[in-house]
Amino acid sequence: MDTVVAYCIIIFIIYTLFCIIPAQMAETRGRSVMGWFFLSILITPIYTSFVIFFLGETDEKRKERIFQEEEWRILCRKLYSNKNNHEN
């Protein structure tokens, strides 16, 4: 009886760890981490991972990513122009 309980606990811990994957995917796409974590516990982590993947980023997260990429472009242009000025 004790081994059955131990196996159930181990399986529950492993299943919970697999539910972290959709939660991390949700975080990178600007969605609710806890909501997707609990949904993946209720349904399955594999199914919720596919759903999050196909939903993609939220509009706010997409705008944030675009602004960040534009800041990187500006910084790279400044660094490249400074490098060219020092070479001349």
PDB file of N, CA and C in Angstrom:
ATOM      1  N   MET A   1       0.820  -1.203   0.000  1.00  0.00           N
ATOM      2  CA  MET A   1       0.000   0.000   0.000  1.00  0.00           C
ATOM      3  C   MET A   1       0.860   1.262   0.000  1.00  0.00           C
ATOM      4  N   ASP A   2       1.932   1.248   0.760  1.00  0.00           N
ATOM      5  CA  ASP A   2       2.806   2.415   0.823  1.00  0.00           C
ATOM      6  C   ASP A   2       3.477   2.686  -0.512  1.00  0.00           C
ATOM      7  N   THR A   3       3.830   1.649  -1.247  1.00  0.00           N
ATOM      8  CA  THR A   3       4.480   1.859  -2.542  1.00  0.00           C
ATOM      9  C   THR A   3       3.506   2.449  -3.552  1.00  0.00           C
ATOM     10  N   VAL A   4       2.242   2.063  -3.479  1.00  0.00           N
ATOM     11  CA  VAL A   4       1.237   2.622  -4.388  1.00  0.00           C
ATOM     12  C   VAL A   4       1.073   4.113  -4.132  1.00  0.00           C
ATOM     13  N   VAL A   5       1.024   4.497  -2.872  1.00  0.00           N
ATOM     14  CA  VAL A   5       0.905   5.911  -2.518  1.00  0.00           C
ATOM     15  C   VAL A   5       2.149   6.669  -2.975  1.00  0.00           C
ATOM     16  N   ALA A   6       3.315   6.078  -2.788  1.00  0.00           N
ATOM     17  CA  ALA A   6       4.560   6.717  -3.221  1.00  0.00           C
ATOM     18  C   ALA A   6       4.573   6.902  -4.731  1.00  0.00           C
ATOM     19  N   TYR A   7       4.143   5.888  -5.490  1.00  0.00           N
ATOM     20  CA  TYR A   7       4.081   6.015  -6.945  1.00  0.00           C
ATOM     21  C   TYR A   7       3.091   7.095  -7.373  1.00  0.00           C
ATOM     22  N   CYS A   8       1.965   7.180  -6.694  1.00  0.00           N
ATOM     23  CA  CYS A   8       0.969   8.209  -7.014  1.00  0.00           C
ATOM     24  C   CYS A   8       1.527   9.604  -6.755  1.00  0.00           C
ATOM     25  N   ILE A   9       2.254   9.750  -5.664  1.00  0.00           N
ATOM     26  CA  ILE A   9       2.858  11.048  -5.358  1.00  0.00           C
ATOM     27  C   ILE A   9       3.900  11.412  -6.400  1.00  0.00           C
ATOM     28  N   ILE A  10       4.729  10.462  -6.796  1.00  0.00           N
ATOM     29  CA  ILE A  10       5.751  10.709  -7.812  1.00  0.00           C
ATOM     30  C   ILE A  10       5.107  11.080  -9.145  1.00  0.00           C
ATOM     31  N   ILE A  11       4.065  10.372  -9.525  1.00  0.00           N
ATOM     32  CA  ILE A  11       3.372  10.666 -10.785  1.00  0.00           C
ATOM     33  C   ILE A  11       2.741  12.054 -10.723  1.00  0.00           C
ATOM     34  N   PHE A  12       2.146  12.412  -9.585  1.00  0.00           N
ATOM     35  CA  PHE A  12       1.554  13.738  -9.440  1.00  0.00           C
ATOM     36  C   PHE A  12       2.612  14.837  -9.543  1.00  0.00           C
ATOM     37  N   ILE A  13       3.768  14.625  -8.932  1.00  0.00           N
ATOM     38  CA  ILE A  13       4.846  15.620  -8.997  1.00  0.00           C
ATOM     39  C   ILE A  13       5.344  15.769 -10.430  1.00  0.00           C
ATOM     40  N   ILE A  14       5.540  14.667 -11.129  1.00  0.00           N
ATOM     41  CA  ILE A  14       6.002  14.727 -12.517  1.00  0.00           C
ATOM     42  C   ILE A  14       4.968  15.417 -13.395  1.00  0.00           C
ATOM     43  N   TYR A  15       3.687  15.094 -13.207  1.00  0.00           N
ATOM     44  CA  TYR A  15       2.618  15.722 -13.988  1.00  0.00           C
ATOM     45  C   TYR A  15       2.576  17.227 -13.728  1.00  0.00           C
ATOM     46  N   THR A  16       2.755  17.618 -12.467  1.00  0.00           N
ATOM     47  CA  THR A  16       2.766  19.037 -12.123  1.00  0.00           C
ATOM     48  C   THR A  16       3.954  19.744 -12.761  1.00  0.00           C
ATOM     49  N   LEU A  17       5.099  19.082 -12.798  1.00  0.00           N
ATOM     50  CA  LEU A  17       6.270  19.679 -13.449  1.00  0.00           C
ATOM     51  C   LEU A  17       6.037  19.852 -14.944  1.00  0.00           C
ATOM     52  N   PHE A  18       5.360  18.899 -15.578  1.00  0.00           N
ATOM     53  CA  PHE A  18       5.030  19.042 -16.995  1.00  0.00           C
ATOM     54  C   PHE A  18       4.043  20.186 -17.225  1.00  0.00           C
ATOM     55  N   CYS A  19       3.232  20.501 -16.234  1.00  0.00           N
ATOM     56  CA  CYS A  19       2.275  21.607 -16.354  1.00  0.00           C
ATOM     57  C   CYS A  19       2.964  22.960 -16.303  1.00  0.00           C
ATOM     58  N   ILE A  20       4.214  22.994 -15.885  1.00  0.00           N
ATOM     59  CA  ILE A  20       4.969  24.251 -15.862  1.00  0.00           C
ATOM     60  C   ILE A  20       5.319  24.686 -17.288  1.00  0.00           C
ATOM     61  N   ILE A  21       5.471  23.741 -18.205  1.00  0.00           N
ATOM     62  CA  ILE A  21       5.838  24.066 -19.589  1.00  0.00           C
ATOM     63  C   ILE A  21       4.812  24.993 -20.239  1.00  0.00           C
ATOM     64  N   PRO A  22       3.512  24.657 -20.228  1.00  0.00           N
ATOM     65  CA  PRO A  22       2.543  25.615 -20.805  1.00  0.00           C
ATOM     66  C   PRO A  22       2.504  26.950 -20.059  1.00  0.00           C
ATOM     67  N   ALA A  23       2.762  26.925 -18.761  1.00  0.00           N
ATOM     68  CA  ALA A  23       2.770  28.181 -18.001  1.00  0.00           C
ATOM     69  C   ALA A  23       3.909  29.078 -18.473  1.00  0.00           C
ATOM     70  N   GLN A  24       5.076  28.507 -18.730  1.00  0.00           N
ATOM     71  CA  GLN A  24       6.199  29.286 -19.240  1.00  0.00           C
ATOM     72  C   GLN A  24       5.918  29.787 -20.651  1.00  0.00           C
ATOM     73  N   MET A  25       5.293  28.959 -21.467  1.00  0.00           N
ATOM     74  CA  MET A  25       4.916  29.386 -22.814  1.00  0.00           C
ATOM     75  C   MET A  25       3.941  30.558 -22.743  1.00  0.00           C
ATOM     76  N   ALA A  26       3.000  30.486 -21.806  1.00  0.00           N
ATOM     77  CA  ALA A  26       2.022  31.566 -21.644  1.00  0.00           C
ATOM     78  C   ALA A  26       2.707  32.854 -21.208  1.00  0.00           C
ATOM     79  N   GLU A  27       3.701  32.742 -20.335  1.00  0.00           N
ATOM     80  CA  GLU A  27       4.405  33.929 -19.867  1.00  0.00           C
ATOM     81  C   GLU A  27       5.148  34.621 -21.005  1.00  0.00           C
ATOM     82  N   THR A  28       5.798  33.850 -21.869  1.00  0.00           N
ATOM     83  CA  THR A  28       6.546  34.461 -22.972  1.00  0.00           C
ATOM     84  C   THR A  28       5.622  35.070 -24.016  1.00  0.00           C
ATOM     85  N   ARG A  29       4.371  34.654 -24.038  1.00  0.00           N
ATOM     86  CA  ARG A  29       3.426  35.185 -25.010  1.00  0.00           C
ATOM     87  C   ARG A  29       2.487  36.228 -24.414  1.00  0.00           C
ATOM     88  N   GLY A  30       2.713  36.598 -23.156  1.00  0.00           N
ATOM     89  CA  GLY A  30       1.934  37.653 -22.517  1.00  0.00           C
ATOM     90  C   GLY A  30       0.568  37.207 -22.033  1.00  0.00           C
ATOM     91  N   ARG A  31       0.436  35.957 -21.697  1.00  0.00           N
ATOM     92  CA  ARG A  31      -0.848  35.428 -21.226  1.00  0.00           C
ATOM     93  C   ARG A  31      -0.762  35.083 -19.740  1.00  0.00           C
ATOM     94  N   SER A  32      -1.886  34.742 -19.142  1.00  0.00           N
ATOM     95  CA  SER A  32      -1.958  34.459 -17.716  1.00  0.00           C
ATOM     96  C   SER A  32      -1.228  33.151 -17.380  1.00  0.00           C
ATOM     97  N   VAL A  33      -0.202  33.269 -16.559  1.00  0.00           N
ATOM     98  CA  VAL A  33       0.601  32.098 -16.199  1.00  0.00           C
ATOM     99  C   VAL A  33      -0.206  31.137 -15.334  1.00  0.00           C
ATOM    100  N   MET A  34      -0.806  31.660 -14.278  1.00  0.00           N
ATOM    101  CA  MET A  34      -1.548  30.787 -13.359  1.00  0.00           C
ATOM    102  C   MET A  34      -2.780  30.178 -14.033  1.00  0.00           C
ATOM    103  N   GLY A  35      -3.440  30.947 -14.865  1.00  0.00           N
ATOM    104  CA  GLY A  35      -4.619  30.428 -15.559  1.00  0.00           C
ATOM    105  C   GLY A  35      -4.273  29.253 -16.455  1.00  0.00           C
ATOM    106  N   TRP A  36      -3.204  29.395 -17.233  1.00  0.00           N
ATOM    107  CA  TRP A  36      -2.800  28.307 -18.124  1.00  0.00           C
ATOM    108  C   TRP A  36      -2.206  27.143 -17.358  1.00  0.00           C
ATOM    109  N   PHE A  37      -1.578  27.406 -16.201  1.00  0.00           N
ATOM    110  CA  PHE A  37      -1.060  26.325 -15.375  1.00  0.00           C
ATOM    111  C   PHE A  37      -2.204  25.463 -14.861  1.00  0.00           C
ATOM    112  N   PHE A  38      -3.227  26.109 -14.299  1.00  0.00           N
ATOM    113  CA  PHE A  38      -4.360  25.343 -13.770  1.00  0.00           C
ATOM    114  C   PHE A  38      -5.163  24.673 -14.888  1.00  0.00           C
ATOM    115  N   LEU A  39      -5.261  25.320 -16.023  1.00  0.00           N
ATOM    116  CA  LEU A  39      -5.946  24.702 -17.149  1.00  0.00           C
ATOM    117  C   LEU A  39      -5.192  23.464 -17.630  1.00  0.00           C
ATOM    118  N   SER A  40      -3.871  23.530 -17.623  1.00  0.00           N
ATOM    119  CA  SER A  40      -3.095  22.368 -18.047  1.00  0.00           C
ATOM    120  C   SER A  40      -3.193  21.231 -17.026  1.00  0.00           C
ATOM    121  N   ILE A  41      -3.400  21.561 -15.763  1.00  0.00           N
ATOM    122  CA  ILE A  41      -3.637  20.505 -14.775  1.00  0.00           C
ATOM    123  C   ILE A  41      -4.976  19.847 -15.046  1.00  0.00           C
ATOM    124  N   LEU A  42      -5.992  20.658 -15.366  1.00  0.00           N
ATOM    125  CA  LEU A  42      -7.323  20.101 -15.599  1.00  0.00           C
ATOM    126  C   LEU A  42      -7.416  19.312 -16.908  1.00  0.00           C
ATOM    127  N   ILE A  43      -6.829  19.820 -17.954  1.00  0.00           N
ATOM    128  CA  ILE A  43      -6.934  19.158 -19.260  1.00  0.00           C
ATOM    129  C   ILE A  43      -5.711  18.259 -19.439  1.00  0.00           C
ATOM    130  N   THR A  44      -4.708  18.735 -20.125  1.00  0.00           N
ATOM    131  CA  THR A  44      -3.402  18.072 -20.221  1.00  0.00           C
ATOM    132  C   THR A  44      -2.382  19.126 -20.614  1.00  0.00           C
ATOM    133  N   PRO A  45      -1.144  18.962 -20.197  1.00  0.00           N
ATOM    134  CA  PRO A  45      -0.123  19.934 -20.576  1.00  0.00           C
ATOM    135  C   PRO A  45       0.150  19.940 -22.080  1.00  0.00           C
ATOM    136  N   ILE A  46       0.041  18.804 -22.711  1.00  0.00           N
ATOM    137  CA  ILE A  46       0.317  18.726 -24.152  1.00  0.00           C
ATOM    138  C   ILE A  46      -0.725  19.523 -24.934  1.00  0.00           C
ATOM    139  N   TYR A  47      -1.991  19.326 -24.619  1.00  0.00           N
ATOM    140  CA  TYR A  47      -3.067  20.023 -25.326  1.00  0.00           C
ATOM    141  C   TYR A  47      -2.973  21.528 -25.113  1.00  0.00           C
ATOM    142  N   THR A  48      -2.753  21.946 -23.863  1.00  0.00           N
ATOM    143  CA  THR A  48      -2.677  23.382 -23.605  1.00  0.00           C
ATOM    144  C   THR A  48      -1.433  24.003 -24.250  1.00  0.00           C
ATOM    145  N   SER A  49      -0.346  23.230 -24.371  1.00  0.00           N
ATOM    146  CA  SER A  49       0.839  23.738 -25.071  1.00  0.00           C
ATOM    147  C   SER A  49       0.524  24.024 -26.532  1.00  0.00           C
ATOM    148  N   PHE A  50      -0.190  23.119 -27.174  1.00  0.00           N
ATOM    149  CA  PHE A  50      -0.581  23.346 -28.561  1.00  0.00           C
ATOM    150  C   PHE A  50      -1.501  24.556 -28.696  1.00  0.00           C
ATOM    151  N   VAL A  51      -2.442  24.697 -27.784  1.00  0.00           N
ATOM    152  CA  VAL A  51      -3.376  25.824 -27.839  1.00  0.00           C
ATOM    153  C   VAL A  51      -2.624  27.146 -27.680  1.00  0.00           C
ATOM    154  N   ILE A  52      -1.720  27.218 -26.715  1.00  0.00           N
ATOM    155  CA  ILE A  52      -0.948  28.447 -26.510  1.00  0.00           C
ATOM    156  C   ILE A  52      -0.080  28.741 -27.725  1.00  0.00           C
ATOM    157  N   PHE A  53       0.522  27.697 -28.285  1.00  0.00           N
ATOM    158  CA  PHE A  53       1.371  27.878 -29.462  1.00  0.00           C
ATOM    159  C   PHE A  53       0.583  28.487 -30.613  1.00  0.00           C
ATOM    160  N   PHE A  54      -0.623  27.973 -30.849  1.00  0.00           N
ATOM    161  CA  PHE A  54      -1.417  28.470 -31.978  1.00  0.00           C
ATOM    162  C   PHE A  54      -2.095  29.805 -31.686  1.00  0.00           C
ATOM    163  N   LEU A  55      -2.322  30.136 -30.417  1.00  0.00           N
ATOM    164  CA  LEU A  55      -2.882  31.451 -30.087  1.00  0.00           C
ATOM    165  C   LEU A  55      -1.867  32.559 -30.320  1.00  0.00           C
ATOM    166  N   GLY A  56      -0.611  32.295 -30.030  1.00  0.00           N
ATOM    167  CA  GLY A  56       0.439  33.282 -30.249  1.00  0.00           C
ATOM    168  C   GLY A  56       0.470  34.345 -29.177  1.00  0.00           C
ATOM    169  N   GLU A  57       1.119  35.448 -29.511  1.00  0.00           N
ATOM    170  CA  GLU A  57       1.298  36.542 -28.566  1.00  0.00           C
ATOM    171  C   GLU A  57       0.035  37.404 -28.482  1.00  0.00           C
ATOM    172  N   THR A  58      -0.111  38.054 -27.341  1.00  0.00           N
ATOM    173  CA  THR A  58      -1.171  39.047 -27.221  1.00  0.00           C
ATOM    174  C   THR A  58      -0.716  40.309 -27.951  1.00  0.00           C
ATOM    175  N   ASP A  59      -1.654  41.188 -28.235  1.00  0.00           N
ATOM    176  CA  ASP A  59      -1.311  42.433 -28.930  1.00  0.00           C
ATOM    177  C   ASP A  59      -0.343  43.278 -28.109  1.00  0.00           C
ATOM    178  N   GLU A  60      -0.549  43.337 -26.800  1.00  0.00           N
ATOM    179  CA  GLU A  60       0.333  44.119 -25.943  1.00  0.00           C
ATOM    180  C   GLU A  60       1.750  43.560 -25.954  1.00  0.00           C
ATOM    181  N   LYS A  61       1.876  42.240 -25.882  1.00  0.00           N
ATOM    182  CA  LYS A  61       3.198  41.608 -25.903  1.00  0.00           C
ATOM    183  C   LYS A  61       3.879  41.815 -27.254  1.00  0.00           C
ATOM    184  N   ARG A  62       3.106  41.761 -28.321  1.00  0.00           N
ATOM    185  CA  ARG A  62       3.658  41.979 -29.655  1.00  0.00           C
ATOM    186  C   ARG A  62       4.197  43.406 -29.789  1.00  0.00           C
ATOM    187  N   LYS A  63       3.427  44.400 -29.302  1.00  0.00           N
ATOM    188  CA  LYS A  63       3.881  45.792 -29.344  1.00  0.00           C
ATOM    189  C   LYS A  63       5.139  45.980 -28.505  1.00  0.00           C
ATOM    190  N   GLU A  64       5.166  45.372 -27.338  1.00  0.00           N
ATOM    191  CA  GLU A  64       6.337  45.458 -26.468  1.00  0.00           C
ATOM    192  C   GLU A  64       7.574  44.872 -27.153  1.00  0.00           C
ATOM    193  N   ARG A  65       7.410  43.729 -27.813  1.00  0.00           N
ATOM    194  CA  ARG A  65       8.520  43.089 -28.518  1.00  0.00           C
ATOM    195  C   ARG A  65       9.002  43.954 -29.681  1.00  0.00           C
ATOM    196  N   ILE A  66       8.077  44.542 -30.415  1.00  0.00           N
ATOM    197  CA  ILE A  66       8.450  45.398 -31.550  1.00  0.00           C
ATOM    198  C   ILE A  66       9.212  46.630 -31.076  1.00  0.00           C
ATOM    199  N   PHE A  67       8.752  47.271 -29.984  1.00  0.00           N
ATOM    200  CA  PHE A  67       9.467  48.429 -29.449  1.00  0.00           C
ATOM    201  C   PHE A  67      10.863  48.048 -28.975  1.00  0.00           C
ATOM    202  N   GLN A  68      10.982  46.894 -28.341  1.00  0.00           N
ATOM    203  CA  GLN A  68      12.287  46.442 -27.866  1.00  0.00           C
ATOM    204  C   GLN A  68      13.223  46.159 -29.041  1.00  0.00           C
ATOM    205  N   GLU A  69      12.708  45.522 -30.090  1.00  0.00           N
ATOM    206  CA  GLU A  69      13.534  45.263 -31.268  1.00  0.00           C
ATOM    207  C   GLU A  69      13.972  46.565 -31.936  1.00  0.00           C
ATOM    208  N   GLU A  70      13.086  47.550 -31.967  1.00  0.00           N
ATOM    209  CA  GLU A  70      13.446  48.840 -32.560  1.00  0.00           C
ATOM    210  C   GLU A  70      14.528  49.529 -31.740  1.00  0.00           C
ATOM    211  N   GLU A  71      14.457  49.439 -30.416  1.00  0.00           N
ATOM    212  CA  GLU A  71      15.515  49.996 -29.568  1.00  0.00           C
ATOM    213  C   GLU A  71      16.844  49.307 -29.843  1.00  0.00           C
ATOM    214  N   TRP A  72      16.825  47.981 -30.049  1.00  0.00           N
ATOM    215  CA  TRP A  72      18.056  47.247 -30.370  1.00  0.00           C
ATOM    216  C   TRP A  72      18.615  47.696 -31.721  1.00  0.00           C
ATOM    217  N   ARG A  73      17.733  47.908 -32.692  1.00  0.00           N
ATOM    218  CA  ARG A  73      18.180  48.365 -34.006  1.00  0.00           C
ATOM    219  C   ARG A  73      18.861  49.731 -33.909  1.00  0.00           C
ATOM    220  N   ILE A  74      18.242  50.636 -33.146  1.00  0.00           N
ATOM    221  CA  ILE A  74      18.817  51.967 -32.973  1.00  0.00           C
ATOM    222  C   ILE A  74      20.180  51.870 -32.294  1.00  0.00           C
ATOM    223  N   LEU A  75      20.282  51.058 -31.265  1.00  0.00           N
ATOM    224  CA  LEU A  75      21.553  50.880 -30.572  1.00  0.00           C
ATOM    225  C   LEU A  75      22.614  50.290 -31.500  1.00  0.00           C
ATOM    226  N   CYS A  76      22.245  49.302 -32.298  1.00  0.00           N
ATOM    227  CA  CYS A  76      23.192  48.694 -33.239  1.00  0.00           C
ATOM    228  C   CYS A  76      23.646  49.699 -34.292  1.00  0.00           C
ATOM    229  N   ARG A  77      22.727  50.524 -34.770  1.00  0.00           N
ATOM    230  CA  ARG A  77      23.102  51.559 -35.746  1.00  0.00           C
ATOM    231  C   ARG A  77      24.095  52.540 -35.135  1.00  0.00           C
ATOM    232  N   LYS A  78      23.850  52.942 -33.883  1.00  0.00           N
ATOM    233  CA  LYS A  78      24.760  53.872 -33.216  1.00  0.00           C
ATOM    234  C   LYS A  78      26.140  53.242 -33.042  1.00  0.00           C
ATOM    235  N   LEU A  79      26.160  51.990 -32.592  1.00  0.00           N
ATOM    236  CA  LEU A  79      27.437  51.314 -32.394  1.00  0.00           C
ATOM    237  C   LEU A  79      28.169  51.126 -33.718  1.00  0.00           C
ATOM    238  N   TYR A  80      27.453  50.783 -34.766  1.00  0.00           N
ATOM    239  CA  TYR A  80      28.067  50.573 -36.078  1.00  0.00           C
ATOM    240  C   TYR A  80      28.586  51.887 -36.648  1.00  0.00           C
ATOM    241  N   SER A  81      27.815  52.951 -36.478  1.00  0.00           N
ATOM    242  CA  SER A  81      28.264  54.262 -37.006  1.00  0.00           C
ATOM    243  C   SER A  81      29.472  54.763 -36.206  1.00  0.00           C
ATOM    244  N   ASN A  82      29.504  54.527 -34.906  1.00  0.00           N
ATOM    245  CA  ASN A  82      30.670  54.906 -34.089  1.00  0.00           C
ATOM    246  C   ASN A  82      31.902  54.114 -34.509  1.00  0.00           C
ATOM    247  N   LYS A  83      31.727  52.851 -34.812  1.00  0.00           N
ATOM    248  CA  LYS A  83      32.840  52.009 -35.243  1.00  0.00           C
ATOM    249  C   LYS A  83      33.387  52.493 -36.584  1.00  0.00           C
ATOM    250  N   ASN A  84      32.503  52.842 -37.506  1.00  0.00           N
ATOM    251  CA  ASN A  84      32.939  53.349 -38.820  1.00  0.00           C
ATOM    252  C   ASN A  84      33.631  54.704 -38.674  1.00  0.00           C
ATOM    253  N   ASN A  85      33.161  55.538 -37.780  1.00  0.00           N
ATOM    254  CA  ASN A  85      33.798  56.850 -37.576  1.00  0.00           C
ATOM    255  C   ASN A  85      35.213  56.702 -37.013  1.00  0.00           C
ATOM    256  N   HIS A  86      35.426  55.721 -36.140  1.00  0.00           N
ATOM    257  CA  HIS A  86      36.754  55.507 -35.567  1.00  0.00           C
ATOM    258  C   HIS A  86      37.715  54.913 -36.588  1.00  0.00           C
ATOM    259  N   GLU A  87      37.213  54.152 -37.540  1.00  0.00           N
ATOM    260  CA  GLU A  87      38.075  53.547 -38.547  1.00  0.00           C
ATOM    261  C   GLU A  87      38.542  54.580 -39.573  1.00  0.00           C
ATOM    262  N   ASN A  88      37.745  55.615 -39.818  1.00  0.00           N
ATOM    263  CA  ASN A  88      38.089  56.642 -40.816  1.00  0.00           C
ATOM    264  C   ASN A  88      38.986  57.626 -40.214  1.00  0.00           C
TER     265      ASN A  88
END
